C-alpha cells in the first residue's frame, strides 16, 4: 500500500537538519567570554561576535528550519520519470 499523503520529503528533513545545525552553531559562537575570576570585569562579552554575528546566525537558523517545514517539495518518484520518458 502506497501512501500518497506524504507531508515531508527528504529535502524537507535535510533543510530542517541544516537549520538546527546552523542555530546550534550560533549558540556555540555566542557562548564564552567568562573570565577565570568572577570578580574580574571582562570586555569579551561585548564584542561583535557575541552581540551581532551570533544572534544573526541563530535567527537565520530558525528561518531555515521554518522554511524547511513550510516549503512543499514535490515527492520524487521513479515511476513518474519512467512514465514521462515513455510518453515522448
N, C-alpha and C. Protein backbone atom coordinates (compact mmCIF):
# COMPACT_ATOMS: atom_id res chain seq x y z
N UNK A 1 0.85 -1.18 0.00
CA UNK A 1 0.00 0.00 0.00
C UNK A 1 0.89 1.24 0.00
N UNK A 2 0.65 2.10 -0.93
CA UNK A 2 1.48 3.30 -1.08
C UNK A 2 0.76 4.50 -0.48
N UNK A 3 1.48 5.27 0.30
CA UNK A 3 0.91 6.45 0.95
C UNK A 3 1.20 7.68 0.10
N UNK A 4 0.18 8.24 -0.54
CA UNK A 4 0.34 9.42 -1.38
C UNK A 4 0.25 10.71 -0.58
N UNK A 5 -0.01 10.64 0.71
CA UNK A 5 -0.21 11.82 1.53
C UNK A 5 1.03 12.06 2.41
N UNK A 6 2.19 12.22 1.77
CA UNK A 6 3.44 12.45 2.49
C UNK A 6 3.65 13.96 2.62
N UNK A 7 3.81 14.43 3.83
CA UNK A 7 3.96 15.86 4.05
C UNK A 7 5.40 16.33 3.86
N UNK A 8 6.36 15.59 4.39
CA UNK A 8 7.75 15.98 4.29
C UNK A 8 8.49 15.03 3.37
N UNK A 9 9.33 15.60 2.55
CA UNK A 9 10.20 14.79 1.70
C UNK A 9 11.60 14.79 2.30
N UNK A 10 12.50 14.12 1.63
CA UNK A 10 13.88 14.06 2.10
C UNK A 10 14.50 15.46 2.13
N UNK A 11 14.14 16.31 1.16
CA UNK A 11 14.67 17.68 1.11
C UNK A 11 14.21 18.49 2.32
N UNK A 12 12.97 18.28 2.75
CA UNK A 12 12.47 18.97 3.94
C UNK A 12 13.28 18.60 5.17
N UNK A 13 13.53 17.31 5.35
CA UNK A 13 14.29 16.86 6.51
C UNK A 13 15.73 17.37 6.46
N UNK A 14 16.32 17.43 5.28
CA UNK A 14 17.68 17.94 5.15
C UNK A 14 17.71 19.42 5.52
N UNK A 15 16.72 20.20 5.07
CA UNK A 15 16.67 21.63 5.40
C UNK A 15 16.46 21.85 6.89
N UNK A 16 15.60 21.05 7.50
CA UNK A 16 15.37 21.18 8.94
C UNK A 16 16.63 20.84 9.73
N UNK A 17 17.31 19.77 9.33
CA UNK A 17 18.54 19.40 10.00
C UNK A 17 19.62 20.47 9.81
N UNK A 18 19.71 21.03 8.60
CA UNK A 18 20.69 22.09 8.36
C UNK A 18 20.39 23.32 9.21
N UNK A 19 19.12 23.67 9.35
CA UNK A 19 18.74 24.81 10.19
C UNK A 19 19.08 24.57 11.65
N UNK A 20 18.88 23.35 12.12
CA UNK A 20 19.22 23.03 13.50
C UNK A 20 20.73 23.16 13.71
N UNK A 21 21.50 22.67 12.75
CA UNK A 21 22.96 22.78 12.85
C UNK A 21 23.38 24.24 12.86
N UNK A 22 22.74 25.08 12.04
CA UNK A 22 23.10 26.50 11.96
C UNK A 22 22.80 27.20 13.29
N UNK A 23 21.61 26.97 13.88
CA UNK A 23 21.36 27.71 15.12
C UNK A 23 22.11 27.15 16.31
N UNK A 24 22.47 25.87 16.30
CA UNK A 24 23.35 25.36 17.35
C UNK A 24 24.73 26.00 17.22
N UNK A 25 25.20 26.15 15.99
CA UNK A 25 26.47 26.83 15.75
C UNK A 25 26.40 28.28 16.24
N UNK A 26 25.28 28.95 16.02
CA UNK A 26 25.11 30.32 16.50
C UNK A 26 25.16 30.42 18.01
N UNK A 27 24.51 29.47 18.69
CA UNK A 27 24.58 29.47 20.15
C UNK A 27 25.99 29.16 20.64
N UNK A 28 26.71 28.30 19.92
CA UNK A 28 28.09 27.99 20.29
C UNK A 28 28.96 29.23 20.15
N UNK A 29 28.76 29.99 19.07
CA UNK A 29 29.54 31.23 18.88
C UNK A 29 29.19 32.26 19.95
N UNK A 30 27.94 32.27 20.39
CA UNK A 30 27.50 33.25 21.38
C UNK A 30 28.05 32.94 22.77
N UNK A 31 28.41 31.71 23.03
CA UNK A 31 28.87 31.33 24.37
C UNK A 31 30.29 31.82 24.62
N UNK A 32 30.68 31.80 25.85
CA UNK A 32 32.04 32.18 26.23
C UNK A 32 32.11 33.58 26.77
N UNK A 33 33.33 34.06 26.93
CA UNK A 33 33.54 35.41 27.44
C UNK A 33 33.58 35.51 28.94
N UNK A 34 33.60 34.38 29.62
CA UNK A 34 33.65 34.40 31.08
C UNK A 34 35.10 34.51 31.54
N UNK A 35 35.38 35.43 32.43
CA UNK A 35 36.74 35.49 32.97
C UNK A 35 36.97 34.33 33.95
N UNK A 36 38.22 34.01 34.19
CA UNK A 36 38.53 32.93 35.13
C UNK A 36 38.13 33.30 36.55
N UNK A 37 38.32 34.57 36.91
CA UNK A 37 37.94 35.05 38.23
C UNK A 37 36.63 35.81 38.09
N UNK A 38 35.55 35.36 38.74
CA UNK A 38 34.26 36.03 38.59
C UNK A 38 34.23 37.49 39.06
N UNK A 39 35.16 37.87 39.89
CA UNK A 39 35.16 39.26 40.37
C UNK A 39 35.82 40.20 39.36
N UNK A 40 36.52 39.67 38.37
CA UNK A 40 37.13 40.50 37.32
C UNK A 40 36.11 40.84 36.25
N UNK A 41 36.24 42.05 35.70
CA UNK A 41 35.39 42.50 34.61
C UNK A 41 36.04 42.12 33.28
N UNK A 42 35.25 41.65 32.35
CA UNK A 42 35.79 41.24 31.05
C UNK A 42 35.01 41.92 29.94
N UNK A 43 35.72 42.55 29.01
CA UNK A 43 35.08 43.18 27.84
C UNK A 43 34.77 42.17 26.74
N UNK A 44 35.13 40.92 26.93
CA UNK A 44 34.92 39.91 25.90
C UNK A 44 33.45 39.65 25.60
N UNK A 45 32.58 39.95 26.53
CA UNK A 45 31.16 39.69 26.29
C UNK A 45 30.53 40.76 25.39
N UNK A 46 31.23 41.85 25.14
CA UNK A 46 30.67 42.93 24.34
C UNK A 46 31.33 43.04 22.97
N UNK A 47 31.83 41.95 22.42
CA UNK A 47 32.46 42.04 21.11
C UNK A 47 31.45 41.79 19.99
N UNK A 48 31.86 42.04 18.78
CA UNK A 48 30.99 41.90 17.60
C UNK A 48 30.48 40.48 17.44
N UNK A 49 31.32 39.53 17.72
CA UNK A 49 30.97 38.12 17.53
C UNK A 49 29.77 37.71 18.38
N UNK A 50 29.74 38.14 19.63
CA UNK A 50 28.68 37.72 20.55
C UNK A 50 27.44 38.60 20.48
N UNK A 51 27.60 39.87 20.17
CA UNK A 51 26.45 40.78 20.18
C UNK A 51 25.75 40.89 18.84
N UNK A 52 26.45 40.68 17.72
CA UNK A 52 25.86 40.91 16.42
C UNK A 52 25.84 39.65 15.55
N UNK A 53 26.98 39.03 15.40
CA UNK A 53 27.10 37.90 14.48
C UNK A 53 26.32 36.68 14.96
N UNK A 54 26.49 36.29 16.20
CA UNK A 54 25.85 35.08 16.72
C UNK A 54 24.32 35.17 16.72
N UNK A 55 23.71 36.28 17.16
CA UNK A 55 22.24 36.34 17.07
C UNK A 55 21.74 36.30 15.62
N UNK A 56 22.48 36.88 14.70
CA UNK A 56 22.09 36.81 13.29
C UNK A 56 22.13 35.36 12.79
N UNK A 57 23.15 34.61 13.18
CA UNK A 57 23.25 33.21 12.78
C UNK A 57 22.14 32.38 13.41
N UNK A 58 21.81 32.64 14.67
CA UNK A 58 20.74 31.90 15.34
C UNK A 58 19.40 32.16 14.66
N UNK A 59 19.10 33.41 14.38
CA UNK A 59 17.83 33.75 13.72
C UNK A 59 17.77 33.16 12.32
N UNK A 60 18.88 33.18 11.58
CA UNK A 60 18.86 32.59 10.25
C UNK A 60 18.68 31.08 10.33
N UNK A 61 19.18 30.44 11.37
CA UNK A 61 18.94 29.01 11.55
C UNK A 61 17.48 28.70 11.77
N UNK A 62 16.81 29.52 12.59
CA UNK A 62 15.37 29.32 12.80
C UNK A 62 14.58 29.58 11.52
N UNK A 63 15.01 30.53 10.71
CA UNK A 63 14.34 30.80 9.43
C UNK A 63 14.51 29.61 8.48
N UNK A 64 15.69 29.00 8.47
CA UNK A 64 15.91 27.83 7.63
C UNK A 64 15.02 26.67 8.07
N UNK A 65 14.90 26.47 9.38
CA UNK A 65 14.01 25.42 9.89
C UNK A 65 12.56 25.70 9.49
N UNK A 66 12.13 26.93 9.65
CA UNK A 66 10.77 27.31 9.27
C UNK A 66 10.53 27.10 7.78
N UNK A 67 11.49 27.50 6.97
CA UNK A 67 11.37 27.30 5.53
C UNK A 67 11.34 25.81 5.19
N UNK A 68 12.11 25.00 5.90
CA UNK A 68 12.09 23.56 5.67
C UNK A 68 10.76 22.94 6.04
N UNK A 69 10.06 23.51 7.01
CA UNK A 69 8.75 23.00 7.39
C UNK A 69 7.67 23.46 6.41
N UNK A 70 7.74 24.71 5.99
CA UNK A 70 6.69 25.28 5.16
C UNK A 70 6.81 24.89 3.69
N UNK A 71 8.04 24.80 3.17
CA UNK A 71 8.26 24.53 1.75
C UNK A 71 7.68 23.18 1.37
N UNK A 72 6.96 23.17 0.26
CA UNK A 72 6.32 21.95 -0.22
C UNK A 72 7.08 21.45 -1.44
N UNK A 73 7.99 20.52 -1.23
CA UNK A 73 8.71 19.91 -2.34
C UNK A 73 7.86 18.78 -2.90
N UNK A 74 7.89 18.63 -4.20
CA UNK A 74 7.14 17.53 -4.81
C UNK A 74 7.89 16.24 -4.55
N UNK A 75 7.17 15.19 -4.13
CA UNK A 75 7.86 13.93 -3.86
C UNK A 75 8.45 13.35 -5.13
N UNK A 76 9.67 12.86 -5.01
CA UNK A 76 10.33 12.26 -6.16
C UNK A 76 9.92 10.80 -6.26
N UNK A 77 9.59 10.41 -7.47
CA UNK A 77 9.15 9.04 -7.68
C UNK A 77 9.77 8.51 -8.96
N UNK A 78 10.28 7.30 -8.93
CA UNK A 78 10.90 6.71 -10.10
C UNK A 78 9.87 6.37 -11.17
N UNK A 79 8.64 6.08 -10.78
CA UNK A 79 7.63 5.71 -11.77
C UNK A 79 7.22 6.91 -12.60
N UNK A 80 7.22 8.10 -12.03
CA UNK A 80 6.87 9.29 -12.80
C UNK A 80 7.92 9.57 -13.87
N UNK A 81 9.18 9.35 -13.57
CA UNK A 81 10.24 9.58 -14.54
C UNK A 81 10.15 8.59 -15.69
N UNK A 82 9.83 7.34 -15.38
CA UNK A 82 9.72 6.32 -16.42
C UNK A 82 8.52 6.62 -17.29
N UNK A 83 7.38 6.98 -16.68
CA UNK A 83 6.18 7.28 -17.45
C UNK A 83 6.38 8.48 -18.34
N UNK A 84 7.04 9.52 -17.87
CA UNK A 84 7.22 10.71 -18.67
C UNK A 84 8.19 10.48 -19.82
N UNK A 85 9.17 9.59 -19.65
CA UNK A 85 10.12 9.31 -20.73
C UNK A 85 9.51 8.40 -21.79
N UNK A 86 8.55 7.57 -21.44
CA UNK A 86 7.94 6.68 -22.42
C UNK A 86 6.85 7.38 -23.21
N UNK A 87 6.31 8.48 -22.72
CA UNK A 87 5.25 9.20 -23.43
C UNK A 87 5.79 10.00 -24.60
N UNK A 88 7.08 10.30 -24.62
CA UNK A 88 7.63 11.13 -25.68
C UNK A 88 7.82 10.38 -26.94
